[in-house]
């Protein structure tokens, strides 16, 4: 749909699932681009790097595909004229994100803080001074989940609001249904029973917990 996308996961999912999925669906890209990198939320943001074509953050690089692999450079690489994302990579500085989408990533209490810290940092690095002297808007975050564990989900959103100062709003199911109808996806209501979509918003004044 014209976006320049950074798709992330951890190993071995990146090589076994994510990258093959991107390649197999590359023909539907009318414009824009998709880049695949490893991003492990449990790695502190101060250890992240943006100058590597394959890895943002990883505890182990032993399974990573070589950046010299011509197949890696087929779909994932952002072209030089790809706007903020391409420019940021050349400068080896964090890119600015307009939108963050994360799905089925809330399934363990141990990952609540790493996930929120990751979202917080991605928002923080995206807020920059613009020519008018004002700050650019932080990216909008959409988080989709299947509410298998209400206590876990509740604790996530409490932490998001109280510890990380995100505002959180659930997208009404009727909007999800209308979106599915517009997309002409043939999903019955039973196919997404229990699925919730939440919108998170970040404020530049919000500080990460010490």
N, C-alpha and C. Protein backbone atom coordinates (compact mmCIF):
# COMPACT_ATOMS: atom_id res chain seq x y z
N UNK A 1 0.82 -1.22 0.00
CA UNK A 1 0.00 0.00 0.00
C UNK A 1 0.86 1.26 0.00
N UNK A 2 2.12 1.13 -0.43
CA UNK A 2 2.97 2.31 -0.53
C UNK A 2 3.85 2.58 0.67
N UNK A 3 3.73 1.79 1.71
CA UNK A 3 4.54 1.99 2.90
C UNK A 3 5.93 1.38 2.70
N UNK A 4 6.93 1.97 3.37
CA UNK A 4 8.23 1.33 3.52
C UNK A 4 8.22 0.67 4.89
N UNK A 5 8.27 -0.65 4.91
CA UNK A 5 7.98 -1.43 6.10
C UNK A 5 9.23 -2.09 6.67
N UNK A 6 9.36 -2.06 7.97
CA UNK A 6 10.35 -2.86 8.68
C UNK A 6 9.60 -3.94 9.44
N UNK A 7 9.79 -5.20 9.04
CA UNK A 7 9.13 -6.34 9.68
C UNK A 7 10.14 -7.05 10.57
N UNK A 8 9.77 -7.31 11.82
CA UNK A 8 10.72 -7.86 12.78
C UNK A 8 10.17 -9.08 13.50
N UNK A 9 11.11 -9.89 13.98
CA UNK A 9 10.81 -11.02 14.85
C UNK A 9 12.16 -11.47 15.42
N UNK A 10 12.17 -12.59 16.12
CA UNK A 10 13.42 -13.14 16.65
C UNK A 10 13.78 -14.37 15.85
N UNK A 11 15.04 -14.80 16.00
CA UNK A 11 15.46 -16.05 15.39
C UNK A 11 14.96 -17.22 16.25
N UNK A 12 14.62 -18.35 15.64
CA UNK A 12 14.76 -18.66 14.20
C UNK A 12 13.56 -18.26 13.36
N UNK A 13 12.58 -17.53 13.96
CA UNK A 13 11.36 -17.19 13.23
C UNK A 13 11.65 -16.33 12.01
N UNK A 14 12.63 -15.42 12.14
CA UNK A 14 12.96 -14.53 11.02
C UNK A 14 13.30 -15.34 9.77
N UNK A 15 14.20 -16.31 9.91
CA UNK A 15 14.65 -17.07 8.75
C UNK A 15 13.66 -18.17 8.34
N UNK A 16 12.98 -18.76 9.32
CA UNK A 16 12.11 -19.89 9.02
C UNK A 16 10.72 -19.48 8.56
N UNK A 17 10.24 -18.32 9.01
CA UNK A 17 8.86 -17.92 8.72
C UNK A 17 8.75 -16.53 8.08
N UNK A 18 9.30 -15.52 8.75
CA UNK A 18 9.06 -14.15 8.32
C UNK A 18 9.64 -13.84 6.94
N UNK A 19 10.93 -14.12 6.77
CA UNK A 19 11.56 -13.81 5.49
C UNK A 19 10.93 -14.61 4.33
N UNK A 20 10.68 -15.92 4.49
CA UNK A 20 9.99 -16.65 3.40
C UNK A 20 8.61 -16.09 3.09
N UNK A 21 7.87 -15.64 4.12
CA UNK A 21 6.55 -15.07 3.87
C UNK A 21 6.64 -13.78 3.06
N UNK A 22 7.63 -12.96 3.39
CA UNK A 22 7.83 -11.72 2.65
C UNK A 22 8.15 -12.02 1.19
N UNK A 23 9.05 -12.97 0.98
CA UNK A 23 9.44 -13.32 -0.39
C UNK A 23 8.26 -13.87 -1.19
N UNK A 24 7.48 -14.74 -0.56
CA UNK A 24 6.39 -15.38 -1.29
C UNK A 24 5.26 -14.42 -1.61
N UNK A 25 5.18 -13.31 -0.89
CA UNK A 25 4.12 -12.33 -1.13
C UNK A 25 4.63 -11.06 -1.80
N UNK A 26 5.88 -11.07 -2.24
CA UNK A 26 6.48 -9.87 -2.80
C UNK A 26 5.75 -9.40 -4.05
N UNK A 27 5.11 -10.31 -4.78
CA UNK A 27 4.46 -9.94 -6.03
C UNK A 27 3.26 -9.03 -5.81
N UNK A 28 2.73 -8.98 -4.57
CA UNK A 28 1.56 -8.12 -4.34
C UNK A 28 1.95 -6.70 -3.98
N UNK A 29 3.25 -6.43 -3.85
CA UNK A 29 3.70 -5.08 -3.52
C UNK A 29 3.61 -4.20 -4.76
N UNK A 30 2.63 -3.30 -4.78
CA UNK A 30 2.48 -2.39 -5.90
C UNK A 30 3.46 -1.23 -5.79
N UNK A 31 3.75 -0.84 -4.55
CA UNK A 31 4.72 0.21 -4.28
C UNK A 31 5.18 0.05 -2.85
N UNK A 32 6.18 0.85 -2.46
CA UNK A 32 6.72 0.69 -1.12
C UNK A 32 7.72 -0.45 -1.09
N UNK A 33 8.13 -0.83 0.10
CA UNK A 33 9.15 -1.87 0.24
C UNK A 33 9.04 -2.51 1.62
N UNK A 34 9.64 -3.69 1.76
CA UNK A 34 9.64 -4.42 3.02
C UNK A 34 11.06 -4.84 3.35
N UNK A 35 11.48 -4.54 4.56
CA UNK A 35 12.78 -4.98 5.04
C UNK A 35 12.56 -5.86 6.27
N UNK A 36 13.32 -6.95 6.35
CA UNK A 36 13.20 -7.89 7.46
C UNK A 36 14.44 -7.80 8.33
N UNK A 37 14.25 -7.64 9.63
CA UNK A 37 15.38 -7.63 10.57
C UNK A 37 14.99 -8.34 11.86
N UNK A 38 16.00 -8.82 12.55
CA UNK A 38 15.77 -9.41 13.87
C UNK A 38 15.71 -8.30 14.91
N UNK A 39 14.70 -8.37 15.76
CA UNK A 39 14.57 -7.43 16.88
C UNK A 39 14.11 -8.18 18.11
N UNK A 40 15.02 -8.37 19.04
CA UNK A 40 14.73 -9.07 20.29
C UNK A 40 14.40 -8.02 21.35
N UNK A 41 13.15 -8.02 21.83
CA UNK A 41 12.72 -7.00 22.79
C UNK A 41 13.51 -7.04 24.09
N UNK A 42 14.07 -8.20 24.42
CA UNK A 42 14.76 -8.32 25.71
C UNK A 42 16.13 -7.65 25.70
N UNK A 43 16.58 -7.21 24.53
CA UNK A 43 17.83 -6.47 24.44
C UNK A 43 17.54 -5.00 24.74
N UNK A 44 18.21 -4.37 25.70
CA UNK A 44 17.95 -2.97 26.03
C UNK A 44 18.16 -2.06 24.82
N UNK A 45 17.32 -1.05 24.66
CA UNK A 45 17.42 -0.17 23.48
C UNK A 45 18.78 0.47 23.28
N UNK A 46 19.51 0.72 24.36
CA UNK A 46 20.83 1.33 24.21
C UNK A 46 21.81 0.41 23.48
N UNK A 47 21.47 -0.89 23.37
CA UNK A 47 22.33 -1.84 22.65
C UNK A 47 21.84 -2.08 21.22
N UNK A 48 20.76 -1.42 20.80
CA UNK A 48 20.27 -1.60 19.45
C UNK A 48 21.20 -0.94 18.44
N UNK A 49 21.15 -1.41 17.19
CA UNK A 49 21.91 -0.76 16.14
C UNK A 49 21.06 -0.70 14.87
N UNK A 50 21.26 0.39 14.12
CA UNK A 50 20.44 0.61 12.93
C UNK A 50 21.27 0.55 11.65
N UNK A 51 22.57 0.22 11.76
CA UNK A 51 23.43 0.20 10.58
C UNK A 51 23.61 -1.20 10.02
N UNK A 52 22.86 -2.17 10.53
CA UNK A 52 22.96 -3.55 10.07
C UNK A 52 21.69 -3.88 9.29
N UNK A 53 21.83 -4.47 8.11
CA UNK A 53 20.68 -4.77 7.27
C UNK A 53 19.84 -5.94 7.78
N UNK A 54 20.37 -6.68 8.76
CA UNK A 54 19.67 -7.88 9.21
C UNK A 54 19.24 -7.84 10.66
N UNK A 55 19.93 -7.07 11.48
CA UNK A 55 19.70 -7.15 12.92
C UNK A 55 19.60 -5.76 13.53
N UNK A 56 18.54 -5.53 14.30
CA UNK A 56 18.44 -4.35 15.15
C UNK A 56 18.94 -4.70 16.55
N UNK A 57 18.49 -5.82 17.06
CA UNK A 57 18.91 -6.26 18.39
C UNK A 57 18.81 -7.78 18.48
N UNK A 58 19.88 -8.40 18.97
CA UNK A 58 19.91 -9.85 19.07
C UNK A 58 20.87 -10.27 20.18
N UNK A 59 20.51 -11.33 20.89
CA UNK A 59 21.43 -11.91 21.88
C UNK A 59 22.42 -12.86 21.23
N UNK A 60 22.08 -13.33 20.04
CA UNK A 60 22.97 -14.24 19.33
C UNK A 60 22.81 -14.01 17.85
N UNK A 61 23.91 -13.88 17.13
CA UNK A 61 23.86 -13.67 15.69
C UNK A 61 24.28 -14.92 14.93
N UNK A 62 24.38 -16.05 15.62
CA UNK A 62 24.90 -17.26 14.98
C UNK A 62 23.99 -17.77 13.88
N UNK A 63 22.67 -17.50 13.98
CA UNK A 63 21.73 -18.00 12.98
C UNK A 63 21.40 -16.98 11.91
N UNK A 64 22.00 -15.80 11.99
CA UNK A 64 21.64 -14.74 11.05
C UNK A 64 22.17 -15.04 9.66
N UNK A 65 21.38 -14.68 8.64
CA UNK A 65 21.81 -14.84 7.26
C UNK A 65 22.80 -13.74 6.95
N UNK A 66 23.82 -14.04 6.17
CA UNK A 66 24.81 -13.04 5.81
C UNK A 66 24.19 -11.94 4.99
N UNK A 67 24.57 -10.69 5.26
CA UNK A 67 24.05 -9.56 4.50
C UNK A 67 24.56 -9.58 3.06
N UNK A 68 25.53 -10.46 2.77
CA UNK A 68 26.02 -10.59 1.41
C UNK A 68 25.17 -11.55 0.59
N UNK A 69 24.24 -12.24 1.24
CA UNK A 69 23.39 -13.18 0.54
C UNK A 69 22.51 -12.41 -0.45
N UNK A 70 22.60 -12.68 -1.76
CA UNK A 70 21.81 -11.92 -2.73
C UNK A 70 20.32 -12.08 -2.55
N UNK A 71 19.88 -13.21 -1.98
CA UNK A 71 18.45 -13.38 -1.76
C UNK A 71 17.94 -12.45 -0.67
N UNK A 72 18.79 -12.15 0.31
CA UNK A 72 18.39 -11.23 1.36
C UNK A 72 18.18 -9.84 0.79
N UNK A 73 19.00 -9.46 -0.18
CA UNK A 73 18.93 -8.12 -0.75
C UNK A 73 17.86 -7.99 -1.81
N UNK A 74 17.02 -9.01 -1.95
CA UNK A 74 16.01 -8.98 -2.99
C UNK A 74 14.81 -8.12 -2.62
N UNK A 75 14.11 -8.48 -1.54
CA UNK A 75 12.89 -7.80 -1.17
C UNK A 75 13.09 -6.86 0.01
N UNK A 76 13.92 -7.28 0.96
CA UNK A 76 13.95 -6.59 2.23
C UNK A 76 14.61 -5.22 2.20
N UNK A 77 15.56 -5.02 1.31
CA UNK A 77 16.35 -3.79 1.38
C UNK A 77 15.56 -2.57 0.97
N UNK A 78 15.64 -1.53 1.79
CA UNK A 78 15.01 -0.27 1.48
C UNK A 78 15.87 0.44 0.44
N UNK A 79 15.32 0.91 -0.67
CA UNK A 79 16.13 1.62 -1.66
C UNK A 79 16.62 2.94 -1.12
N UNK A 80 17.66 3.49 -1.77
CA UNK A 80 18.27 4.72 -1.28
C UNK A 80 17.32 5.89 -1.26
N UNK A 81 16.29 5.86 -2.12
CA UNK A 81 15.37 6.98 -2.17
C UNK A 81 14.09 6.71 -1.41
N UNK A 82 14.16 5.87 -0.37
CA UNK A 82 12.96 5.43 0.33
C UNK A 82 12.53 6.38 1.43
N UNK A 83 12.97 7.61 1.42
CA UNK A 83 12.50 8.58 2.40
C UNK A 83 13.23 8.48 3.72
N UNK A 84 12.51 8.76 4.82
CA UNK A 84 13.13 8.83 6.13
C UNK A 84 13.83 7.54 6.51
N UNK A 85 13.22 6.38 6.17
CA UNK A 85 13.78 5.12 6.60
C UNK A 85 15.13 4.87 5.92
N UNK A 86 15.18 5.08 4.60
CA UNK A 86 16.43 4.90 3.88
C UNK A 86 17.49 5.89 4.32
N UNK A 87 17.09 7.13 4.50
CA UNK A 87 18.03 8.16 4.92
C UNK A 87 18.60 7.85 6.29
N UNK A 88 17.76 7.37 7.20
CA UNK A 88 18.22 7.06 8.55
C UNK A 88 19.25 5.94 8.53
N UNK A 89 19.05 4.95 7.66
CA UNK A 89 20.00 3.85 7.60
C UNK A 89 21.36 4.32 7.12
N UNK A 90 21.38 5.26 6.15
CA UNK A 90 22.66 5.75 5.66
C UNK A 90 23.41 6.51 6.76
N UNK A 91 22.66 7.20 7.61
CA UNK A 91 23.28 7.96 8.68
C UNK A 91 23.54 7.10 9.93
N UNK A 92 23.12 5.84 9.88
CA UNK A 92 23.26 4.92 11.00
C UNK A 92 22.58 5.46 12.25
N UNK A 93 21.45 6.09 12.08
CA UNK A 93 20.66 6.61 13.19
C UNK A 93 19.27 6.00 13.10
N UNK A 94 18.51 6.04 14.20
CA UNK A 94 17.18 5.41 14.18
C UNK A 94 16.28 6.05 13.13
N UNK A 95 15.48 5.24 12.44
CA UNK A 95 14.51 5.79 11.49
C UNK A 95 13.33 6.39 12.23
N UNK A 96 12.55 7.19 11.53
CA UNK A 96 11.31 7.71 12.08
C UNK A 96 10.16 6.84 11.59
N UNK A 97 9.36 6.36 12.53
CA UNK A 97 8.24 5.51 12.18
C UNK A 97 6.95 6.31 12.23
N UNK A 98 6.06 6.04 11.27
CA UNK A 98 4.75 6.68 11.23
C UNK A 98 3.67 5.81 11.87
N UNK A 99 3.89 4.50 11.82
CA UNK A 99 2.88 3.56 12.29
C UNK A 99 3.57 2.31 12.81
N UNK A 100 3.11 1.80 13.94
CA UNK A 100 3.62 0.55 14.50
C UNK A 100 2.45 -0.42 14.66
N UNK A 101 2.59 -1.60 14.08
CA UNK A 101 1.55 -2.62 14.18
C UNK A 101 2.18 -3.87 14.79
N UNK A 102 1.56 -4.40 15.83
CA UNK A 102 2.06 -5.62 16.46
C UNK A 102 0.88 -6.53 16.74
N UNK A 103 1.00 -7.79 16.36
CA UNK A 103 -0.12 -8.71 16.47
C UNK A 103 0.29 -10.02 17.13
N UNK A 104 -0.57 -10.51 18.03
CA UNK A 104 -0.33 -11.78 18.72
C UNK A 104 1.01 -11.77 19.44
N UNK A 105 1.34 -10.66 20.07
CA UNK A 105 2.63 -10.52 20.77
C UNK A 105 2.45 -10.40 22.28
N UNK A 106 1.24 -10.62 22.76
CA UNK A 106 0.99 -10.54 24.20
C UNK A 106 0.55 -11.92 24.68
N UNK A 107 1.54 -12.69 25.14
CA UNK A 107 1.25 -14.08 25.52
C UNK A 107 2.04 -14.53 26.74
N UNK A 108 2.91 -13.67 27.28
CA UNK A 108 3.73 -14.05 28.43
C UNK A 108 3.95 -12.84 29.33
N UNK A 109 3.76 -13.04 30.62
CA UNK A 109 3.97 -11.94 31.57
C UNK A 109 5.41 -11.45 31.54
N UNK A 110 6.34 -12.35 31.25
CA UNK A 110 7.76 -11.99 31.23
C UNK A 110 8.10 -11.03 30.10
N UNK A 111 7.23 -10.95 29.08
CA UNK A 111 7.51 -10.09 27.93
C UNK A 111 6.79 -8.74 27.99
N UNK A 112 5.99 -8.52 29.03
CA UNK A 112 5.24 -7.26 29.12
C UNK A 112 6.18 -6.06 29.15
N UNK A 113 7.14 -6.07 30.06
CA UNK A 113 8.07 -4.93 30.16
C UNK A 113 8.94 -4.81 28.92
N UNK A 114 9.55 -5.89 28.40
CA UNK A 114 10.34 -5.76 27.18
C UNK A 114 9.54 -5.22 25.99
N UNK A 115 8.29 -5.66 25.84
CA UNK A 115 7.47 -5.17 24.73
C UNK A 115 7.15 -3.69 24.89
N UNK A 116 6.74 -3.28 26.09
CA UNK A 116 6.41 -1.88 26.32
C UNK A 116 7.65 -0.99 26.19
N UNK A 117 8.79 -1.48 26.66
CA UNK A 117 10.03 -0.72 26.52
C UNK A 117 10.40 -0.54 25.06
N UNK A 118 10.19 -1.60 24.26
CA UNK A 118 10.47 -1.54 22.83
C UNK A 118 9.56 -0.52 22.14
N UNK A 119 8.26 -0.58 22.43
CA UNK A 119 7.31 0.36 21.82
C UNK A 119 7.63 1.79 22.24
N UNK A 120 7.98 1.96 23.51
CA UNK A 120 8.31 3.29 24.02
C UNK A 120 9.52 3.86 23.30
N UNK A 121 10.54 3.03 23.12
CA UNK A 121 11.76 3.51 22.47
C UNK A 121 11.53 3.81 21.00
N UNK A 122 10.78 2.97 20.30
CA UNK A 122 10.49 3.22 18.89
C UNK A 122 9.72 4.52 18.71
N UNK A 123 8.84 4.82 19.65
CA UNK A 123 8.11 6.09 19.59
C UNK A 123 9.05 7.26 19.89
N UNK A 124 9.89 7.09 20.91
CA UNK A 124 10.79 8.18 21.32
C UNK A 124 11.74 8.57 20.20
N UNK A 125 12.30 7.58 19.49
CA UNK A 125 13.26 7.90 18.43
C UNK A 125 12.57 8.47 17.20
N UNK A 126 11.25 8.33 17.13
CA UNK A 126 10.51 8.83 15.96
C UNK A 126 10.08 10.28 16.12
N UNK A 127 10.13 10.80 17.33
CA UNK A 127 9.73 12.18 17.58
C UNK A 127 10.95 13.08 17.40
N UNK A 128 10.91 13.91 16.39
CA UNK A 128 12.04 14.78 16.06
C UNK A 128 11.57 16.21 15.87
N UNK A 129 12.51 17.13 15.93
CA UNK A 129 12.20 18.52 15.62
C UNK A 129 11.99 18.67 14.12
N UNK A 130 10.97 19.43 13.73
CA UNK A 130 10.71 19.69 12.32
C UNK A 130 11.03 21.15 12.02
N UNK A 131 10.93 21.52 10.75
CA UNK A 131 11.37 22.85 10.33
C UNK A 131 10.64 23.97 11.03
N UNK A 132 9.40 23.75 11.43
CA UNK A 132 8.62 24.79 12.10
C UNK A 132 9.05 25.03 13.53
N UNK A 133 9.97 24.19 14.02
CA UNK A 133 10.40 24.31 15.41
C UNK A 133 9.60 23.45 16.35
N UNK A 134 8.52 22.84 15.83
CA UNK A 134 7.72 21.93 16.64
C UNK A 134 8.21 20.50 16.47
N UNK A 135 7.71 19.62 17.31
CA UNK A 135 8.10 18.23 17.23
C UNK A 135 7.14 17.46 16.34
N UNK A 136 7.68 16.48 15.62
CA UNK A 136 6.83 15.63 14.80
C UNK A 136 5.97 14.76 15.70
N UNK A 137 4.86 14.30 15.16
CA UNK A 137 3.95 13.47 15.94
C UNK A 137 4.54 12.08 16.14
N UNK A 138 4.31 11.48 17.31
CA UNK A 138 4.77 10.10 17.51
C UNK A 138 3.94 9.15 16.66
N UNK A 139 4.48 7.97 16.37
CA UNK A 139 3.72 7.01 15.55
C UNK A 139 2.51 6.48 16.31
N UNK A 140 1.48 6.18 15.57
CA UNK A 140 0.31 5.52 16.12
C UNK A 140 0.61 4.04 16.26
N UNK A 141 0.19 3.44 17.35
CA UNK A 141 0.43 2.02 17.60
C UNK A 141 -0.90 1.28 17.59
N UNK A 142 -0.97 0.20 16.80
CA UNK A 142 -2.11 -0.71 16.86
C UNK A 142 -1.60 -2.06 17.35
N UNK A 143 -2.23 -2.56 18.38
CA UNK A 143 -1.87 -3.84 18.96
C UNK A 143 -3.07 -4.77 18.87
N UNK A 144 -2.89 -5.91 18.19
CA UNK A 144 -3.96 -6.89 18.05
C UNK A 144 -3.63 -8.11 18.90
N UNK A 145 -4.62 -8.65 19.55
CA UNK A 145 -4.41 -9.80 20.43
C UNK A 145 -5.64 -10.68 20.47
N UNK A 146 -5.43 -11.92 20.85
CA UNK A 146 -6.54 -12.81 21.15
C UNK A 146 -6.56 -12.97 22.66
N UNK A 147 -7.65 -12.54 23.26
CA UNK A 147 -7.71 -12.46 24.72
C UNK A 147 -7.91 -13.83 25.35
N UNK A 148 -6.81 -14.61 25.36
CA UNK A 148 -6.86 -15.95 25.95
C UNK A 148 -6.69 -15.89 27.48
N UNK A 149 -6.01 -14.84 27.95
CA UNK A 149 -5.70 -14.71 29.38
C UNK A 149 -6.04 -13.29 29.82
N UNK A 150 -7.28 -13.06 30.25
CA UNK A 150 -7.72 -11.70 30.62
C UNK A 150 -6.85 -11.05 31.69
N UNK A 151 -6.34 -11.83 32.63
CA UNK A 151 -5.49 -11.25 33.68
C UNK A 151 -4.18 -10.72 33.09
N UNK A 152 -3.61 -11.49 32.17
CA UNK A 152 -2.37 -11.06 31.52
C UNK A 152 -2.61 -9.80 30.70
N UNK A 153 -3.69 -9.79 29.94
CA UNK A 153 -4.01 -8.63 29.10
C UNK A 153 -4.25 -7.40 29.96
N UNK A 154 -4.99 -7.58 31.05
CA UNK A 154 -5.26 -6.46 31.95
C UNK A 154 -3.97 -5.89 32.54
N UNK A 155 -3.05 -6.77 32.96
CA UNK A 155 -1.81 -6.32 33.57
C UNK A 155 -0.94 -5.57 32.55
N UNK A 156 -1.03 -5.98 31.28
CA UNK A 156 -0.28 -5.27 30.24
C UNK A 156 -0.76 -3.84 30.12
N UNK A 157 -2.06 -3.64 30.04
CA UNK A 157 -2.58 -2.29 29.83
C UNK A 157 -2.45 -1.41 31.07
N UNK A 158 -2.49 -2.02 32.26
CA UNK A 158 -2.22 -1.26 33.47
C UNK A 158 -0.78 -0.74 33.44
N UNK A 159 0.16 -1.62 33.08
CA UNK A 159 1.56 -1.21 32.99
C UNK A 159 1.76 -0.16 31.90
N UNK A 160 1.07 -0.33 30.77
CA UNK A 160 1.19 0.63 29.66
C UNK A 160 0.78 2.03 30.12
N UNK A 161 -0.29 2.12 30.89
CA UNK A 161 -0.80 3.43 31.32
C UNK A 161 -0.02 3.98 32.51
N UNK A 162 0.21 3.13 33.52
CA UNK A 162 0.76 3.63 34.78
C UNK A 162 2.28 3.70 34.79
N UNK A 163 2.95 2.76 34.12
CA UNK A 163 4.41 2.72 34.16
C UNK A 163 5.06 3.39 32.94
N UNK A 164 4.37 3.31 31.78
CA UNK A 164 4.97 3.83 30.55
C UNK A 164 4.19 5.00 29.98
N UNK A 165 3.10 5.38 30.64
CA UNK A 165 2.31 6.56 30.28
C UNK A 165 1.78 6.55 28.85
N UNK A 166 1.43 5.37 28.35
CA UNK A 166 0.71 5.29 27.08
C UNK A 166 -0.77 5.48 27.36
N UNK A 167 -1.46 6.16 26.46
CA UNK A 167 -2.92 6.13 26.50
C UNK A 167 -3.36 4.91 25.70
N UNK A 168 -4.41 4.25 26.14
CA UNK A 168 -4.87 3.02 25.48
C UNK A 168 -6.37 3.09 25.23
N UNK A 169 -6.77 2.72 24.02
CA UNK A 169 -8.18 2.73 23.64
C UNK A 169 -8.47 1.49 22.82
N UNK A 170 -9.50 0.75 23.19
CA UNK A 170 -9.87 -0.42 22.40
C UNK A 170 -10.68 0.01 21.19
N UNK A 171 -10.35 -0.54 20.04
CA UNK A 171 -11.10 -0.27 18.81
C UNK A 171 -12.39 -1.08 18.86
N UNK A 172 -13.56 -0.45 18.70
CA UNK A 172 -14.83 -1.18 18.78
C UNK A 172 -14.90 -2.31 17.75
N UNK A 173 -15.51 -3.42 18.15
CA UNK A 173 -15.63 -4.57 17.25
C UNK A 173 -16.35 -4.22 15.96
N UNK A 174 -17.30 -3.29 16.02
CA UNK A 174 -18.04 -2.94 14.81
C UNK A 174 -17.12 -2.30 13.76
N UNK A 175 -16.08 -1.58 14.24
CA UNK A 175 -15.12 -1.00 13.30
C UNK A 175 -14.25 -2.09 12.66
N UNK A 176 -13.91 -3.11 13.46
CA UNK A 176 -13.15 -4.24 12.91
C UNK A 176 -13.97 -4.95 11.85
N UNK A 177 -15.26 -5.17 12.16
CA UNK A 177 -16.13 -5.86 11.23
C UNK A 177 -16.25 -5.08 9.92
N UNK A 178 -16.43 -3.76 10.02
CA UNK A 178 -16.55 -2.94 8.82
C UNK A 178 -15.26 -2.95 8.01
N UNK A 179 -14.13 -2.94 8.71
CA UNK A 179 -12.84 -2.98 8.02
C UNK A 179 -12.68 -4.29 7.26
N UNK A 180 -13.09 -5.39 7.86
CA UNK A 180 -13.02 -6.69 7.19
C UNK A 180 -13.93 -6.71 5.97
N UNK A 181 -15.10 -6.11 6.09
CA UNK A 181 -16.02 -6.07 4.97
C UNK A 181 -15.45 -5.25 3.82
N UNK A 182 -14.83 -4.11 4.15
CA UNK A 182 -14.25 -3.26 3.11
C UNK A 182 -13.09 -3.96 2.41
N UNK A 183 -12.33 -4.75 3.18
CA UNK A 183 -11.17 -5.44 2.60
C UNK A 183 -11.57 -6.68 1.81
N UNK A 184 -12.85 -7.07 1.92
CA UNK A 184 -13.38 -8.24 1.23
C UNK A 184 -12.72 -9.54 1.67
N UNK A 185 -12.16 -9.53 2.86
CA UNK A 185 -11.64 -10.77 3.43
C UNK A 185 -12.82 -11.61 3.90
N UNK A 186 -12.82 -12.87 3.53
CA UNK A 186 -13.95 -13.73 3.87
C UNK A 186 -13.72 -14.38 5.23
N UNK A 187 -13.78 -13.55 6.26
CA UNK A 187 -13.64 -14.04 7.62
C UNK A 187 -15.01 -14.01 8.28
N UNK A 188 -15.43 -15.15 8.79
CA UNK A 188 -16.65 -15.20 9.58
C UNK A 188 -16.37 -14.68 10.98
N UNK A 189 -17.41 -14.28 11.67
CA UNK A 189 -17.25 -13.76 13.02
C UNK A 189 -16.54 -14.75 13.92
N UNK A 190 -16.78 -16.05 13.71
CA UNK A 190 -16.14 -17.07 14.54
C UNK A 190 -14.64 -17.13 14.31
N UNK A 191 -14.17 -16.64 13.14
CA UNK A 191 -12.74 -16.67 12.84
C UNK A 191 -11.94 -15.68 13.68
N UNK A 192 -12.62 -14.63 14.17
CA UNK A 192 -11.90 -13.66 15.00
C UNK A 192 -12.59 -13.44 16.34
N UNK A 193 -13.26 -14.48 16.80
CA UNK A 193 -13.88 -14.45 18.12
C UNK A 193 -12.80 -14.25 19.18
N UNK A 194 -12.98 -13.28 20.06
CA UNK A 194 -12.00 -13.02 21.12
C UNK A 194 -10.86 -12.12 20.69
N UNK A 195 -10.80 -11.75 19.40
CA UNK A 195 -9.74 -10.87 18.92
C UNK A 195 -10.06 -9.43 19.30
N UNK A 196 -9.06 -8.74 19.82
CA UNK A 196 -9.19 -7.33 20.19
C UNK A 196 -8.11 -6.52 19.49
N UNK A 197 -8.44 -5.30 19.09
CA UNK A 197 -7.47 -4.37 18.53
C UNK A 197 -7.46 -3.14 19.41
N UNK A 198 -6.27 -2.75 19.85
CA UNK A 198 -6.10 -1.60 20.74
C UNK A 198 -5.23 -0.54 20.09
N UNK A 199 -5.53 0.70 20.39
CA UNK A 199 -4.73 1.83 19.92
C UNK A 199 -3.97 2.42 21.11
N UNK A 200 -2.66 2.55 20.94
CA UNK A 200 -1.81 3.14 21.97
C UNK A 200 -1.20 4.44 21.43
N UNK A 201 -1.15 5.45 22.29
CA UNK A 201 -0.57 6.73 21.92
C UNK A 201 0.50 7.12 22.93
N UNK A 202 1.59 7.66 22.42
CA UNK A 202 2.74 8.05 23.21
C UNK A 202 2.85 9.57 23.24
N UNK A 203 3.30 10.10 24.38
CA UNK A 203 3.55 11.52 24.50
C UNK A 203 5.02 11.73 24.72
N UNK A 204 5.63 12.73 24.06
CA UNK A 204 7.07 12.97 24.17
C UNK A 204 7.47 13.26 25.59
N UNK A 205 6.55 13.78 26.39
CA UNK A 205 6.89 14.10 27.78
C UNK A 205 6.96 12.87 28.65
N UNK A 206 6.46 11.75 28.13
CA UNK A 206 6.49 10.51 28.90
C UNK A 206 7.93 10.03 29.02
N UNK A 207 8.33 9.63 30.21
CA UNK A 207 9.67 9.12 30.45
C UNK A 207 9.60 7.64 30.74
N UNK A 208 10.56 6.90 30.26
CA UNK A 208 10.62 5.47 30.55
C UNK A 208 10.92 5.26 32.02
N UNK A 209 10.38 4.20 32.63
CA UNK A 209 10.68 3.92 34.03
C UNK A 209 12.17 3.74 34.26
N UNK A 210 12.63 4.23 35.37
CA UNK A 210 14.07 4.12 35.69
C UNK A 210 14.36 2.75 36.27
